[in-house]
N, C-alpha and C. Protein backbone atom coordinates (compact mmCIF):
# COMPACT_ATOMS: atom_id res chain seq x y z
N MET A 1 -27.11 0.35 1.89
CA MET A 1 -27.18 -1.04 1.86
C MET A 1 -28.30 -0.99 2.23
N ILE A 2 -28.80 -1.85 1.71
CA ILE A 2 -30.23 -2.33 1.54
C ILE A 2 -30.64 -3.42 1.66
N ASP A 3 -31.68 -4.12 2.46
CA ASP A 3 -32.10 -4.72 3.77
C ASP A 3 -30.99 -5.80 3.67
N LYS A 4 -30.23 -4.93 4.78
CA LYS A 4 -29.21 -5.73 5.78
C LYS A 4 -29.59 -7.04 6.80
N THR A 5 -28.93 -7.70 6.46
CA THR A 5 -28.16 -8.98 7.88
C THR A 5 -28.24 -8.76 8.53
N ASP A 6 -28.91 -9.19 9.75
CA ASP A 6 -28.21 -9.28 11.30
C ASP A 6 -27.14 -9.23 10.94
N MET A 7 -26.49 -9.40 10.61
CA MET A 7 -24.96 -9.81 10.90
C MET A 7 -24.58 -8.13 10.54
N GLU A 8 -24.88 -7.76 9.50
CA GLU A 8 -24.68 -6.10 8.49
C GLU A 8 -25.23 -5.21 9.63
N LYS A 9 -26.10 -5.44 10.38
CA LYS A 9 -26.45 -4.65 11.19
C LYS A 9 -25.99 -4.52 12.81
N ARG A 10 -25.43 -6.16 13.10
CA ARG A 10 -24.29 -5.61 13.97
C ARG A 10 -22.90 -4.89 13.73
N ALA A 11 -22.53 -5.22 12.20
CA ALA A 11 -21.35 -4.97 12.60
C ALA A 11 -21.17 -3.33 12.24
N ILE A 12 -22.55 -2.91 11.29
CA ILE A 12 -23.03 -1.43 11.32
C ILE A 12 -22.70 -0.57 12.83
N LYS A 13 -23.31 -1.34 13.92
CA LYS A 13 -23.44 -0.74 15.07
C LYS A 13 -22.03 -0.81 15.41
N GLU A 14 -21.34 -2.14 15.42
CA GLU A 14 -20.05 -2.06 16.08
C GLU A 14 -18.87 -1.12 14.98
N ALA A 15 -18.90 -0.81 14.38
CA ALA A 15 -18.02 0.42 13.76
C ALA A 15 -18.16 1.46 14.45
N ARG A 16 -20.18 2.19 14.73
CA ARG A 16 -19.71 3.83 15.54
C ARG A 16 -18.09 3.14 16.27
N GLN A 17 -18.16 2.54 16.89
CA GLN A 17 -16.61 3.08 17.73
C GLN A 17 -15.90 2.94 17.22
N PHE A 18 -15.23 2.41 15.81
CA PHE A 18 -13.80 3.30 14.74
C PHE A 18 -14.91 4.48 14.72
N LEU A 19 -15.96 5.33 14.51
CA LEU A 19 -15.94 6.12 14.07
C LEU A 19 -15.44 7.39 14.77
N ALA A 20 -16.21 6.90 16.61
CA ALA A 20 -15.64 7.59 17.58
C ALA A 20 -14.91 8.23 17.73
N GLU A 21 -13.95 6.90 17.68
CA GLU A 21 -12.51 7.28 17.91
C GLU A 21 -11.48 7.57 16.86
N VAL A 22 -12.22 8.44 15.59
CA VAL A 22 -11.43 9.27 14.28
C VAL A 22 -12.01 10.24 14.76
N LEU A 23 -13.52 10.60 14.40
CA LEU A 23 -13.74 11.29 15.12
C LEU A 23 -12.67 12.10 16.48
N THR A 24 -12.47 11.80 17.48
CA THR A 24 -12.35 11.69 18.44
C THR A 24 -11.11 12.56 18.05
N GLU A 25 -10.45 11.87 17.36
CA GLU A 25 -8.22 12.08 17.06
C GLU A 25 -8.71 13.18 16.42
N LEU A 26 -9.40 13.33 15.08
CA LEU A 26 -9.25 14.47 14.48
C LEU A 26 -10.07 15.88 14.74
N GLY A 27 -10.81 16.02 16.04
CA GLY A 27 -10.95 16.55 16.98
C GLY A 27 -12.68 16.91 15.92
N LEU A 28 -13.34 16.22 15.59
CA LEU A 28 -14.38 16.18 15.29
C LEU A 28 -15.64 15.98 15.90
N MET A 29 -15.29 15.50 16.65
CA MET A 29 -16.71 14.28 17.12
C MET A 29 -18.08 15.73 17.75
N ALA A 30 -17.57 16.63 17.69
CA ALA A 30 -18.49 17.62 18.61
C ALA A 30 -19.43 18.02 17.78
N SER A 31 -18.77 17.91 16.36
CA SER A 31 -19.77 18.71 15.36
C SER A 31 -21.11 17.11 15.28
N PHE A 32 -20.27 15.90 15.96
CA PHE A 32 -21.93 15.11 15.17
C PHE A 32 -21.92 14.53 17.11
N HIS A 33 -21.76 15.25 17.77
CA HIS A 33 -23.03 14.93 19.32
C HIS A 33 -24.52 14.88 18.95
N ASP A 34 -25.04 16.24 18.69
CA ASP A 34 -26.01 16.11 18.74
C ASP A 34 -26.32 14.90 17.61
N CYS A 35 -25.82 13.57 16.66
CA CYS A 35 -26.58 12.98 15.76
C CYS A 35 -26.95 11.64 16.32
N SER A 36 -27.86 11.08 15.87
CA SER A 36 -28.57 9.89 15.85
C SER A 36 -28.10 9.05 15.25
N ALA A 37 -28.25 8.03 16.26
CA ALA A 37 -27.92 6.79 16.22
C ALA A 37 -27.91 6.30 14.28
N ALA A 38 -28.74 6.18 14.42
CA ALA A 38 -29.26 5.93 12.90
C ALA A 38 -28.20 6.69 12.15
N GLU A 39 -28.33 8.03 12.62
CA GLU A 39 -28.00 9.34 11.64
C GLU A 39 -26.01 8.51 11.17
N ILE A 40 -25.17 8.80 12.15
CA ILE A 40 -24.46 7.99 12.24
C ILE A 40 -24.22 6.66 11.08
N ASP A 41 -25.23 6.18 11.45
CA ASP A 41 -25.41 4.62 10.68
C ASP A 41 -25.26 4.81 9.56
N ARG A 42 -25.68 5.65 9.15
CA ARG A 42 -26.61 6.52 7.09
C ARG A 42 -24.80 6.64 6.76
N ILE A 43 -24.26 7.12 8.23
CA ILE A 43 -22.30 7.93 7.33
C ILE A 43 -22.23 6.66 7.11
N ILE A 44 -21.73 5.85 8.20
CA ILE A 44 -21.11 4.44 8.17
C ILE A 44 -21.29 4.15 7.16
N GLU A 45 -22.94 4.42 6.55
CA GLU A 45 -23.29 2.53 5.23
C GLU A 45 -23.05 3.58 3.94
N ALA A 46 -22.42 4.99 4.57
CA ALA A 46 -22.60 5.60 3.07
C ALA A 46 -20.93 5.16 2.51
N CYS A 47 -19.70 5.26 3.82
CA CYS A 47 -18.69 4.19 3.87
C CYS A 47 -18.68 2.65 2.70
N ILE A 48 -19.84 2.39 3.17
CA ILE A 48 -19.40 1.36 2.90
C ILE A 48 -19.91 1.36 1.31
N ASP A 49 -20.69 1.41 1.04
CA ASP A 49 -22.02 1.87 0.06
C ASP A 49 -20.07 2.42 -1.18
N GLY A 50 -19.84 3.61 -0.33
CA GLY A 50 -18.75 3.71 -1.51
C GLY A 50 -17.64 2.57 -1.68
N PHE A 51 -16.93 2.26 -0.85
CA PHE A 51 -16.30 1.92 -0.88
C PHE A 51 -16.32 0.09 -1.24
N GLN A 52 -17.02 -0.25 -1.75
CA GLN A 52 -17.75 -1.57 -2.43
C GLN A 52 -17.98 -0.84 -3.66
N ASP A 53 -18.26 -0.05 -4.24
CA ASP A 53 -18.75 0.49 -5.54
C ASP A 53 -17.72 0.79 -5.91
N ALA A 54 -16.70 1.24 -5.05
CA ALA A 54 -15.28 2.13 -5.89
C ALA A 54 -14.15 0.53 -6.51
N MET A 55 -14.54 0.11 -5.29
CA MET A 55 -13.92 -1.99 -5.24
C MET A 55 -14.57 -3.10 -6.22
N GLN A 56 -15.64 -2.78 -6.83
CA GLN A 56 -16.26 -3.19 -8.27
C GLN A 56 -15.71 -2.42 -9.60
N ARG A 57 -16.00 -1.28 -9.47
CA ARG A 57 -15.48 -0.32 -10.56
C ARG A 57 -14.24 -0.92 -10.81
N GLN A 58 -13.63 -0.37 -10.72
CA GLN A 58 -12.05 -1.14 -10.04
C GLN A 58 -11.61 -2.73 -10.78
N THR A 59 -12.25 -3.23 -10.29
CA THR A 59 -12.42 -4.62 -10.52
C THR A 59 -12.64 -5.18 -12.34
N LEU A 60 -14.16 -4.40 -12.41
CA LEU A 60 -14.81 -4.40 -13.84
C LEU A 60 -13.80 -3.98 -15.00
N ASN A 61 -12.63 -2.97 -14.56
CA ASN A 61 -11.91 -1.72 -15.33
C ASN A 61 -11.04 -2.87 -15.68
N ASP A 62 -10.45 -3.45 -14.58
CA ASP A 62 -9.41 -3.73 -15.09
C ASP A 62 -9.79 -4.84 -16.34
N ASP A 63 -8.10 -5.08 -17.02
CA ASP A 63 -7.62 -5.89 -17.62
C ASP A 63 -7.80 -7.27 -18.03
N VAL A 64 -8.10 -8.06 -18.46
CA VAL A 64 -8.11 -9.94 -18.16
C VAL A 64 -7.16 -10.04 -19.32
N PRO A 65 -5.59 -10.65 -19.03
CA PRO A 65 -4.63 -11.31 -19.21
C PRO A 65 -4.26 -12.72 -20.13
N PHE A 66 -5.82 -13.10 -20.23
CA PHE A 66 -5.75 -13.76 -21.44
C PHE A 66 -6.78 -12.82 -22.84
């Protein structure tokens, strides 16, 4: 994500909690224990970017019905 808005920055920060919950459920939290907040944010941003890219590619590949 480039030039994040203040809202995007806050959303990424809030998403850390959700990521932590999933990592804990999967027994993976220990692997991320020494990561900085910036490193965790990079992981979250990579997921967001990948998701958005995939959605955009799928939209562009859809056939127009007319």
